[in-house]
């Protein structure tokens, strides 16, 4: 079973790749998500646990289904 930190890093990597492809900056991405930029930065580094509500807002900003993001992470 993967450790919590491993899962956070895997999800962060996926989010980061998708966000970089769609947004010019973390500030723009954070604004669209309605999340403070410092929180987005910690999420993208795999250093902040993400609630389901925040993860859903991130997925909406990335035009990605929550279920697809979790499948991509292998968890």
N, C-alpha and C. Protein backbone atom coordinates (compact mmCIF):
# COMPACT_ATOMS: atom_id res chain seq x y z
N UNK A 1 0.85 -1.19 0.00
CA UNK A 1 0.00 0.00 0.00
C UNK A 1 0.89 1.24 0.00
N UNK A 2 0.63 2.20 -0.92
CA UNK A 2 1.46 3.40 -0.99
C UNK A 2 1.31 4.26 0.27
N UNK A 3 2.36 4.92 0.63
CA UNK A 3 2.32 5.85 1.75
C UNK A 3 1.58 7.11 1.33
N UNK A 4 1.01 7.80 2.31
CA UNK A 4 0.26 9.03 2.03
C UNK A 4 1.11 10.03 1.25
N UNK A 5 2.36 10.18 1.62
CA UNK A 5 3.25 11.13 0.94
C UNK A 5 3.44 10.74 -0.52
N UNK A 6 3.58 9.44 -0.79
CA UNK A 6 3.74 8.97 -2.17
C UNK A 6 2.52 9.32 -3.02
N UNK A 7 1.35 9.15 -2.46
CA UNK A 7 0.11 9.46 -3.18
C UNK A 7 0.04 10.95 -3.46
N UNK A 8 0.38 11.77 -2.47
CA UNK A 8 0.35 13.22 -2.67
C UNK A 8 1.30 13.64 -3.79
N UNK A 9 2.47 13.04 -3.83
CA UNK A 9 3.46 13.38 -4.86
C UNK A 9 2.97 12.91 -6.24
N UNK A 10 2.39 11.74 -6.31
CA UNK A 10 1.87 11.24 -7.59
C UNK A 10 0.76 12.14 -8.13
N UNK A 11 -0.17 12.49 -7.27
CA UNK A 11 -1.28 13.36 -7.68
C UNK A 11 -0.74 14.74 -8.04
N UNK A 12 0.20 15.24 -7.26
CA UNK A 12 0.80 16.55 -7.54
C UNK A 12 1.48 16.57 -8.90
N UNK A 13 2.19 15.52 -9.24
CA UNK A 13 2.85 15.45 -10.55
C UNK A 13 1.84 15.53 -11.69
N UNK A 14 0.75 14.81 -11.56
CA UNK A 14 -0.28 14.82 -12.60
C UNK A 14 -0.91 16.21 -12.72
N UNK A 15 -1.28 16.78 -11.58
CA UNK A 15 -1.88 18.12 -11.58
C UNK A 15 -0.91 19.13 -12.18
N UNK A 16 0.33 19.05 -11.77
CA UNK A 16 1.34 20.00 -12.25
C UNK A 16 1.49 19.94 -13.77
N UNK A 17 1.58 18.75 -14.33
CA UNK A 17 1.72 18.60 -15.79
C UNK A 17 0.52 19.18 -16.52
N UNK A 18 -0.68 18.87 -16.00
CA UNK A 18 -1.89 19.36 -16.65
C UNK A 18 -2.01 20.88 -16.52
N UNK A 19 -1.65 21.41 -15.36
CA UNK A 19 -1.75 22.85 -15.13
C UNK A 19 -0.75 23.61 -16.00
N UNK A 20 0.46 23.10 -16.12
CA UNK A 20 1.48 23.76 -16.94
C UNK A 20 1.07 23.78 -18.41
N UNK A 21 0.36 22.74 -18.85
CA UNK A 21 -0.09 22.69 -20.24
C UNK A 21 -1.24 23.66 -20.52
N UNK A 22 -2.00 24.00 -19.47
CA UNK A 22 -3.19 24.81 -19.68
C UNK A 22 -3.05 26.27 -19.23
N UNK A 23 -2.22 26.51 -18.21
CA UNK A 23 -2.13 27.85 -17.63
C UNK A 23 -0.71 28.41 -17.73
N UNK A 24 -0.63 29.73 -17.82
CA UNK A 24 0.66 30.40 -17.97
C UNK A 24 1.45 30.42 -16.67
N UNK A 25 0.75 30.40 -15.54
CA UNK A 25 1.43 30.51 -14.25
C UNK A 25 0.61 29.83 -13.16
N UNK A 26 1.26 29.60 -12.03
CA UNK A 26 0.55 29.07 -10.86
C UNK A 26 -0.47 30.08 -10.34
N UNK A 27 -0.17 31.36 -10.50
CA UNK A 27 -1.09 32.40 -10.05
C UNK A 27 -2.39 32.32 -10.84
N UNK A 28 -2.27 32.18 -12.15
CA UNK A 28 -3.47 32.06 -13.00
C UNK A 28 -4.25 30.79 -12.64
N UNK A 29 -3.54 29.69 -12.48
CA UNK A 29 -4.17 28.42 -12.12
C UNK A 29 -4.88 28.55 -10.77
N UNK A 30 -4.22 29.13 -9.80
CA UNK A 30 -4.81 29.31 -8.47
C UNK A 30 -6.06 30.17 -8.54
N UNK A 31 -6.01 31.22 -9.35
CA UNK A 31 -7.15 32.12 -9.49
C UNK A 31 -8.36 31.39 -10.06
N UNK A 32 -8.14 30.59 -11.10
CA UNK A 32 -9.24 29.84 -11.71
C UNK A 32 -9.81 28.81 -10.72
N UNK A 33 -8.93 28.21 -9.92
CA UNK A 33 -9.37 27.22 -8.93
C UNK A 33 -10.06 27.87 -7.73
N UNK A 34 -9.79 29.17 -7.52
CA UNK A 34 -10.31 29.83 -6.33
C UNK A 34 -9.55 29.42 -5.08
N UNK A 35 -8.26 29.15 -5.26
CA UNK A 35 -7.39 28.69 -4.17
C UNK A 35 -6.20 29.64 -4.11
N UNK A 36 -5.76 29.96 -2.91
CA UNK A 36 -4.62 30.86 -2.75
C UNK A 36 -3.39 30.27 -3.43
N UNK A 37 -2.60 31.12 -4.06
CA UNK A 37 -1.42 30.66 -4.82
C UNK A 37 -0.43 29.89 -3.96
N UNK A 38 -0.25 30.28 -2.72
CA UNK A 38 0.68 29.54 -1.86
C UNK A 38 0.18 28.13 -1.59
N UNK A 39 -1.12 27.95 -1.50
CA UNK A 39 -1.68 26.60 -1.33
C UNK A 39 -1.47 25.77 -2.59
N UNK A 40 -1.69 26.38 -3.75
CA UNK A 40 -1.46 25.67 -5.02
C UNK A 40 0.00 25.25 -5.11
N UNK A 41 0.89 26.12 -4.73
CA UNK A 41 2.32 25.81 -4.79
C UNK A 41 2.64 24.58 -3.91
N UNK A 42 2.09 24.54 -2.69
CA UNK A 42 2.32 23.39 -1.80
C UNK A 42 1.69 22.13 -2.36
N UNK A 43 0.51 22.26 -2.96
CA UNK A 43 -0.16 21.10 -3.56
C UNK A 43 0.69 20.56 -4.70
N UNK A 44 1.19 21.44 -5.56
CA UNK A 44 1.99 21.02 -6.71
C UNK A 44 3.33 20.42 -6.31
N UNK A 45 3.77 20.72 -5.10
CA UNK A 45 5.01 20.14 -4.58
C UNK A 45 4.76 18.84 -3.82
N UNK A 46 3.49 18.48 -3.67
CA UNK A 46 3.14 17.27 -2.93
C UNK A 46 3.32 17.44 -1.43
N UNK A 47 3.27 18.68 -0.97
CA UNK A 47 3.50 18.96 0.44
C UNK A 47 2.23 19.28 1.22
N UNK A 48 1.10 19.32 0.54
CA UNK A 48 -0.15 19.64 1.23
C UNK A 48 -1.20 18.60 0.90
N UNK A 49 -1.82 18.08 1.94
CA UNK A 49 -2.92 17.16 1.74
C UNK A 49 -4.07 17.93 1.11
N UNK A 50 -4.84 17.27 0.26
CA UNK A 50 -5.88 17.94 -0.51
C UNK A 50 -7.24 17.35 -0.12
N UNK A 51 -8.16 18.21 0.26
CA UNK A 51 -9.52 17.73 0.52
C UNK A 51 -10.18 17.37 -0.81
N UNK A 52 -11.20 16.59 -0.74
CA UNK A 52 -11.95 16.21 -1.95
C UNK A 52 -12.53 17.45 -2.61
N UNK A 53 -13.02 18.40 -1.82
CA UNK A 53 -13.59 19.63 -2.39
C UNK A 53 -12.55 20.41 -3.17
N UNK A 54 -11.35 20.55 -2.62
CA UNK A 54 -10.29 21.28 -3.32
C UNK A 54 -9.86 20.51 -4.56
N UNK A 55 -9.74 19.20 -4.43
CA UNK A 55 -9.35 18.39 -5.58
C UNK A 55 -10.38 18.50 -6.70
N UNK A 56 -11.65 18.57 -6.35
CA UNK A 56 -12.72 18.74 -7.36
C UNK A 56 -12.58 20.09 -8.05
N UNK A 57 -12.28 21.16 -7.30
CA UNK A 57 -12.10 22.47 -7.91
C UNK A 57 -10.89 22.48 -8.85
N UNK A 58 -9.84 21.79 -8.46
CA UNK A 58 -8.66 21.68 -9.32
C UNK A 58 -9.01 20.92 -10.59
N UNK A 59 -9.72 19.81 -10.45
CA UNK A 59 -10.11 19.04 -11.63
C UNK A 59 -11.01 19.85 -12.56
N UNK A 60 -11.92 20.61 -12.00
CA UNK A 60 -12.79 21.46 -12.82
C UNK A 60 -11.95 22.46 -13.61
N UNK A 61 -10.95 23.05 -12.97
CA UNK A 61 -10.09 24.04 -13.64
C UNK A 61 -9.25 23.39 -14.73
N UNK A 62 -8.99 22.09 -14.58
CA UNK A 62 -8.18 21.37 -15.57
C UNK A 62 -9.04 20.62 -16.60
N UNK A 63 -10.36 20.77 -16.50
CA UNK A 63 -11.29 20.04 -17.37
C UNK A 63 -11.01 18.54 -17.33
N UNK A 64 -10.82 18.04 -16.13
CA UNK A 64 -10.50 16.64 -15.90
C UNK A 64 -11.48 16.07 -14.88
N UNK A 65 -11.94 14.87 -15.11
CA UNK A 65 -12.80 14.21 -14.13
C UNK A 65 -11.94 13.78 -12.94
N UNK A 66 -12.51 13.90 -11.76
CA UNK A 66 -11.83 13.47 -10.55
C UNK A 66 -11.44 12.00 -10.65
N UNK A 67 -12.33 11.19 -11.17
CA UNK A 67 -12.06 9.74 -11.30
C UNK A 67 -10.89 9.50 -12.26
N UNK A 68 -10.78 10.28 -13.32
CA UNK A 68 -9.68 10.11 -14.26
C UNK A 68 -8.35 10.50 -13.63
N UNK A 69 -8.36 11.57 -12.85
CA UNK A 69 -7.14 11.99 -12.18
C UNK A 69 -6.64 10.90 -11.23
N UNK A 70 -7.56 10.31 -10.48
CA UNK A 70 -7.19 9.26 -9.55
C UNK A 70 -6.72 8.00 -10.29
N UNK A 71 -7.36 7.69 -11.42
CA UNK A 71 -6.90 6.55 -12.23
C UNK A 71 -5.49 6.78 -12.74
N UNK A 72 -5.22 8.01 -13.21
CA UNK A 72 -3.90 8.36 -13.72
C UNK A 72 -2.82 8.23 -12.66
N UNK A 73 -3.22 8.44 -11.39
CA UNK A 73 -2.23 8.35 -10.30
C UNK A 73 -1.94 6.90 -9.94
N UNK A 74 -2.77 5.98 -10.43
CA UNK A 74 -2.55 4.57 -10.13
C UNK A 74 -3.06 4.17 -8.76
N UNK A 75 -3.89 5.00 -8.16
CA UNK A 75 -4.40 4.69 -6.82
C UNK A 75 -5.90 4.51 -6.83
